[in-house]
Amino acid sequence: MADDNVRVHVDERAIREIAASADVRDLLMESGEPIEVAAKAGAPKRTGEGAASIRREPVLDVATWAVRISWDRAHYYLYFHDRGTERLPARPFLEPALEAAIGGI
């Protein structure tokens, strides 16, 4: 039989502190590494500069960390290769990199 006196208190402040901690950031950055590697491998490589510019970076969004994986501004054209245009067929490499990493978990 359940004890009617059991109480659960959620310390939301502590949860927010943990979510915004450097340890969580470092763990997310580490888990983003295989995605970054796969995205670089799948990106078009006419000169290789665009693929080499793909990096992961931590982003503190409100009170939690996220990892953004993308190319730098100078290599914006990778978006057109990834998504396609009217004249350039899409050759996705970011989503397949994420899917490959998720499949490997």
N, C-alpha and C. Protein backbone atom coordinates (compact mmCIF):
# COMPACT_ATOMS: atom_id res chain seq x y z
N MET A 1 0.82 -1.17 0.00
CA MET A 1 0.00 0.00 0.00
C MET A 1 0.88 1.25 0.00
N ALA A 2 0.48 2.25 -0.69
CA ALA A 2 1.25 3.49 -0.80
C ALA A 2 1.16 4.29 0.48
N ASP A 3 2.25 4.93 0.83
CA ASP A 3 2.30 5.79 2.00
C ASP A 3 1.77 7.17 1.60
N ASP A 4 0.71 7.63 2.23
CA ASP A 4 0.11 8.92 1.90
C ASP A 4 0.98 10.10 2.32
N ASN A 5 2.02 9.85 3.09
CA ASN A 5 2.87 10.93 3.59
C ASN A 5 4.09 11.19 2.71
N VAL A 6 4.23 10.47 1.62
CA VAL A 6 5.39 10.66 0.76
C VAL A 6 5.20 11.95 -0.04
N ARG A 7 6.24 12.80 -0.01
CA ARG A 7 6.21 14.05 -0.75
C ARG A 7 7.46 14.14 -1.60
N VAL A 8 7.30 14.66 -2.78
CA VAL A 8 8.43 14.86 -3.68
C VAL A 8 8.55 16.34 -3.94
N HIS A 9 9.75 16.86 -3.71
CA HIS A 9 10.00 18.28 -3.97
C HIS A 9 11.02 18.38 -5.10
N VAL A 10 10.66 19.08 -6.15
CA VAL A 10 11.56 19.28 -7.29
C VAL A 10 12.23 20.63 -7.12
N ASP A 11 13.54 20.61 -7.03
CA ASP A 11 14.31 21.84 -6.89
C ASP A 11 14.62 22.37 -8.28
N GLU A 12 13.73 23.16 -8.83
CA GLU A 12 13.87 23.66 -10.19
C GLU A 12 15.11 24.53 -10.37
N ARG A 13 15.48 25.28 -9.35
CA ARG A 13 16.68 26.10 -9.43
C ARG A 13 17.92 25.22 -9.61
N ALA A 14 17.98 24.14 -8.86
CA ALA A 14 19.12 23.23 -8.99
C ALA A 14 19.14 22.56 -10.36
N ILE A 15 17.98 22.21 -10.88
CA ILE A 15 17.91 21.61 -12.21
C ILE A 15 18.40 22.60 -13.26
N ARG A 16 18.01 23.86 -13.15
CA ARG A 16 18.48 24.89 -14.08
C ARG A 16 19.98 25.07 -13.98
N GLU A 17 20.51 25.04 -12.77
CA GLU A 17 21.96 25.19 -12.59
C GLU A 17 22.71 24.03 -13.24
N ILE A 18 22.19 22.83 -13.07
CA ILE A 18 22.84 21.66 -13.69
C ILE A 18 22.77 21.77 -15.21
N ALA A 19 21.60 22.13 -15.74
CA ALA A 19 21.42 22.23 -17.19
C ALA A 19 22.35 23.27 -17.81
N ALA A 20 22.67 24.32 -17.07
CA ALA A 20 23.53 25.38 -17.59
C ALA A 20 25.00 25.20 -17.20
N SER A 21 25.32 24.07 -16.59
CA SER A 21 26.69 23.87 -16.09
C SER A 21 27.67 23.56 -17.22
N ALA A 22 28.93 23.78 -16.92
CA ALA A 22 30.01 23.49 -17.87
C ALA A 22 30.11 21.99 -18.13
N ASP A 23 29.78 21.17 -17.14
CA ASP A 23 29.83 19.72 -17.33
C ASP A 23 28.84 19.26 -18.39
N VAL A 24 27.63 19.82 -18.37
CA VAL A 24 26.62 19.47 -19.37
C VAL A 24 27.08 19.98 -20.74
N ARG A 25 27.61 21.20 -20.78
CA ARG A 25 28.13 21.74 -22.04
C ARG A 25 29.20 20.83 -22.62
N ASP A 26 30.15 20.41 -21.79
CA ASP A 26 31.24 19.56 -22.26
C ASP A 26 30.73 18.21 -22.75
N LEU A 27 29.75 17.65 -22.05
CA LEU A 27 29.18 16.37 -22.46
C LEU A 27 28.47 16.50 -23.81
N LEU A 28 27.73 17.58 -24.01
CA LEU A 28 27.06 17.80 -25.29
C LEU A 28 28.07 18.01 -26.42
N MET A 29 29.12 18.77 -26.14
CA MET A 29 30.15 18.99 -27.16
C MET A 29 30.80 17.66 -27.55
N GLU A 30 31.05 16.83 -26.57
CA GLU A 30 31.65 15.52 -26.85
C GLU A 30 30.70 14.65 -27.68
N SER A 31 29.41 14.69 -27.35
CA SER A 31 28.46 13.87 -28.11
C SER A 31 28.23 14.43 -29.51
N GLY A 32 28.54 15.69 -29.75
CA GLY A 32 28.40 16.27 -31.08
C GLY A 32 29.58 15.98 -32.00
N GLU A 33 30.67 15.48 -31.46
CA GLU A 33 31.86 15.23 -32.28
C GLU A 33 31.62 14.25 -33.44
N PRO A 34 30.96 13.11 -33.21
CA PRO A 34 30.73 12.20 -34.35
C PRO A 34 29.87 12.84 -35.46
N ILE A 35 28.96 13.71 -35.08
CA ILE A 35 28.13 14.39 -36.07
C ILE A 35 28.98 15.35 -36.89
N GLU A 36 29.84 16.10 -36.22
CA GLU A 36 30.75 17.01 -36.92
C GLU A 36 31.65 16.25 -37.89
N VAL A 37 32.20 15.15 -37.46
CA VAL A 37 33.10 14.35 -38.30
C VAL A 37 32.34 13.83 -39.53
N ALA A 38 31.13 13.31 -39.30
CA ALA A 38 30.34 12.77 -40.41
C ALA A 38 29.91 13.88 -41.38
N ALA A 39 29.57 15.05 -40.86
CA ALA A 39 29.18 16.17 -41.72
C ALA A 39 30.36 16.62 -42.59
N LYS A 40 31.53 16.68 -42.00
CA LYS A 40 32.73 17.04 -42.78
C LYS A 40 33.00 16.01 -43.87
N ALA A 41 32.80 14.75 -43.54
CA ALA A 41 33.05 13.69 -44.51
C ALA A 41 32.04 13.73 -45.65
N GLY A 42 30.80 14.09 -45.36
CA GLY A 42 29.76 14.09 -46.37
C GLY A 42 29.63 15.37 -47.16
N ALA A 43 30.27 16.44 -46.72
CA ALA A 43 30.16 17.74 -47.39
C ALA A 43 30.90 17.72 -48.72
N PRO A 44 30.43 18.54 -49.69
CA PRO A 44 31.15 18.62 -50.96
C PRO A 44 32.57 19.15 -50.75
N LYS A 45 33.49 18.69 -51.59
CA LYS A 45 34.89 19.03 -51.37
C LYS A 45 35.61 19.48 -52.64
N ARG A 46 35.11 20.47 -53.26
CA ARG A 46 35.82 20.97 -54.45
C ARG A 46 37.23 21.41 -54.07
N THR A 47 37.33 22.24 -53.02
CA THR A 47 38.64 22.61 -52.50
C THR A 47 38.87 22.03 -51.11
N GLY A 48 37.78 21.64 -50.45
CA GLY A 48 37.87 21.12 -49.08
C GLY A 48 37.74 22.19 -48.02
N GLU A 49 37.77 23.46 -48.41
CA GLU A 49 37.69 24.55 -47.43
C GLU A 49 36.33 24.58 -46.73
N GLY A 50 35.27 24.38 -47.49
CA GLY A 50 33.93 24.41 -46.89
C GLY A 50 33.77 23.32 -45.86
N ALA A 51 34.13 22.10 -46.23
CA ALA A 51 34.03 20.98 -45.29
C ALA A 51 34.90 21.23 -44.05
N ALA A 52 36.08 21.78 -44.25
CA ALA A 52 36.98 22.05 -43.12
C ALA A 52 36.42 23.12 -42.18
N SER A 53 35.51 23.96 -42.69
CA SER A 53 34.96 25.02 -41.85
C SER A 53 33.82 24.53 -40.95
N ILE A 54 33.35 23.32 -41.14
CA ILE A 54 32.26 22.79 -40.32
C ILE A 54 32.78 22.54 -38.91
N ARG A 55 32.11 23.14 -37.95
CA ARG A 55 32.51 23.04 -36.54
C ARG A 55 31.27 22.92 -35.65
N ARG A 56 31.50 22.39 -34.47
CA ARG A 56 30.44 22.39 -33.46
C ARG A 56 30.76 23.48 -32.46
N GLU A 57 29.70 24.11 -31.95
CA GLU A 57 29.90 25.15 -30.95
C GLU A 57 28.77 25.09 -29.93
N PRO A 58 29.09 25.34 -28.67
CA PRO A 58 28.06 25.33 -27.64
C PRO A 58 27.25 26.62 -27.70
N VAL A 59 25.95 26.50 -27.47
CA VAL A 59 25.06 27.66 -27.46
C VAL A 59 24.21 27.56 -26.20
N LEU A 60 24.28 28.57 -25.35
CA LEU A 60 23.45 28.61 -24.15
C LEU A 60 22.13 29.26 -24.54
N ASP A 61 21.09 28.44 -24.61
CA ASP A 61 19.77 28.90 -25.02
C ASP A 61 18.89 29.01 -23.78
N VAL A 62 18.62 30.20 -23.36
CA VAL A 62 17.91 30.51 -22.12
C VAL A 62 18.70 29.92 -20.96
N ALA A 63 18.38 28.71 -20.51
CA ALA A 63 19.10 28.14 -19.37
C ALA A 63 19.64 26.75 -19.65
N THR A 64 19.64 26.32 -20.90
CA THR A 64 20.15 25.00 -21.23
C THR A 64 21.12 25.10 -22.42
N TRP A 65 22.02 24.16 -22.48
CA TRP A 65 23.01 24.12 -23.55
C TRP A 65 22.47 23.37 -24.75
N ALA A 66 22.90 23.79 -25.91
CA ALA A 66 22.67 23.09 -27.17
C ALA A 66 23.99 23.12 -27.93
N VAL A 67 24.11 22.26 -28.91
CA VAL A 67 25.31 22.25 -29.74
C VAL A 67 24.88 22.54 -31.17
N ARG A 68 25.48 23.56 -31.74
CA ARG A 68 25.22 23.93 -33.14
C ARG A 68 26.37 23.40 -33.98
N ILE A 69 26.02 22.71 -35.05
CA ILE A 69 27.04 22.20 -35.97
C ILE A 69 26.75 22.82 -37.33
N SER A 70 27.69 23.59 -37.82
CA SER A 70 27.48 24.29 -39.08
C SER A 70 28.82 24.76 -39.64
N TRP A 71 28.74 25.34 -40.81
CA TRP A 71 29.90 25.92 -41.47
C TRP A 71 30.01 27.39 -41.07
N ASP A 72 31.15 28.01 -41.36
CA ASP A 72 31.31 29.42 -41.03
C ASP A 72 30.66 30.29 -42.11
N ARG A 73 30.57 31.59 -41.85
CA ARG A 73 29.90 32.52 -42.77
C ARG A 73 30.52 32.56 -44.16
N ALA A 74 31.82 32.43 -44.22
CA ALA A 74 32.50 32.51 -45.51
C ALA A 74 32.12 31.35 -46.43
N HIS A 75 31.61 30.29 -45.86
CA HIS A 75 31.25 29.10 -46.65
C HIS A 75 29.74 28.86 -46.64
N TYR A 76 29.00 29.95 -46.68
CA TYR A 76 27.53 29.92 -46.67
C TYR A 76 26.95 29.06 -47.79
N TYR A 77 27.67 28.94 -48.88
CA TYR A 77 27.17 28.21 -50.05
C TYR A 77 26.92 26.73 -49.76
N LEU A 78 27.48 26.21 -48.67
CA LEU A 78 27.22 24.82 -48.33
C LEU A 78 25.73 24.57 -48.07
N TYR A 79 25.03 25.63 -47.65
CA TYR A 79 23.59 25.51 -47.47
C TYR A 79 22.93 25.10 -48.78
N PHE A 80 23.34 25.71 -49.88
CA PHE A 80 22.74 25.41 -51.18
C PHE A 80 23.03 23.98 -51.62
N HIS A 81 24.21 23.48 -51.30
CA HIS A 81 24.53 22.09 -51.62
C HIS A 81 23.70 21.15 -50.75
N ASP A 82 23.56 21.49 -49.48
CA ASP A 82 22.83 20.63 -48.55
C ASP A 82 21.33 20.60 -48.86
N ARG A 83 20.75 21.75 -49.15
CA ARG A 83 19.30 21.87 -49.35
C ARG A 83 18.87 21.89 -50.81
N GLY A 84 19.77 22.27 -51.69
CA GLY A 84 19.43 22.34 -53.10
C GLY A 84 18.84 23.69 -53.48
N THR A 85 18.85 23.96 -54.78
CA THR A 85 18.26 25.17 -55.33
C THR A 85 17.49 24.76 -56.58
N GLU A 86 17.01 25.76 -57.28
CA GLU A 86 16.30 25.50 -58.52
C GLU A 86 17.19 24.78 -59.54
N ARG A 87 18.46 25.12 -59.54
CA ARG A 87 19.40 24.55 -60.52
C ARG A 87 20.41 23.56 -59.94
N LEU A 88 20.45 23.46 -58.64
CA LEU A 88 21.42 22.58 -57.99
C LEU A 88 20.66 21.55 -57.16
N PRO A 89 20.74 20.29 -57.52
CA PRO A 89 20.02 19.29 -56.74
C PRO A 89 20.60 19.19 -55.32
N ALA A 90 19.72 18.94 -54.37
CA ALA A 90 20.15 18.81 -52.97
C ALA A 90 21.04 17.58 -52.82
N ARG A 91 22.12 17.78 -52.06
CA ARG A 91 23.00 16.68 -51.68
C ARG A 91 23.19 16.76 -50.16
N PRO A 92 22.16 16.34 -49.43
CA PRO A 92 22.19 16.51 -47.97
C PRO A 92 23.38 15.82 -47.31
N PHE A 93 23.95 16.50 -46.34
CA PHE A 93 25.04 15.90 -45.57
C PHE A 93 24.90 16.17 -44.08
N LEU A 94 24.16 17.23 -43.68
CA LEU A 94 24.01 17.50 -42.25
C LEU A 94 23.04 16.53 -41.57
N GLU A 95 21.85 16.40 -42.11
CA GLU A 95 20.88 15.48 -41.51
C GLU A 95 21.36 14.03 -41.55
N PRO A 96 21.94 13.57 -42.67
CA PRO A 96 22.48 12.20 -42.66
C PRO A 96 23.57 12.01 -41.60
N ALA A 97 24.36 13.05 -41.34
CA ALA A 97 25.38 12.95 -40.29
C ALA A 97 24.73 12.76 -38.93
N LEU A 98 23.66 13.51 -38.67
CA LEU A 98 22.93 13.38 -37.41
C LEU A 98 22.28 12.02 -37.31
N GLU A 99 21.63 11.58 -38.38
CA GLU A 99 20.97 10.27 -38.37
C GLU A 99 21.97 9.14 -38.15
N ALA A 100 23.14 9.25 -38.76
CA ALA A 100 24.18 8.22 -38.56
C ALA A 100 24.64 8.18 -37.12
N ALA A 101 24.78 9.35 -36.50
CA ALA A 101 25.21 9.41 -35.11
C ALA A 101 24.14 8.86 -34.18
N ILE A 102 22.88 9.18 -34.46
CA ILE A 102 21.79 8.68 -33.63
C ILE A 102 21.68 7.17 -33.76
N GLY A 103 21.87 6.68 -34.98
CA GLY A 103 21.82 5.24 -35.20
C GLY A 103 22.94 4.51 -34.48
N GLY A 104 24.03 5.21 -34.25
CA GLY A 104 25.17 4.59 -33.57
C GLY A 104 25.07 4.62 -32.05
N ILE A 105 23.99 5.24 -31.54
CA ILE A 105 23.85 5.32 -30.07
C ILE A 105 23.27 4.03 -29.53
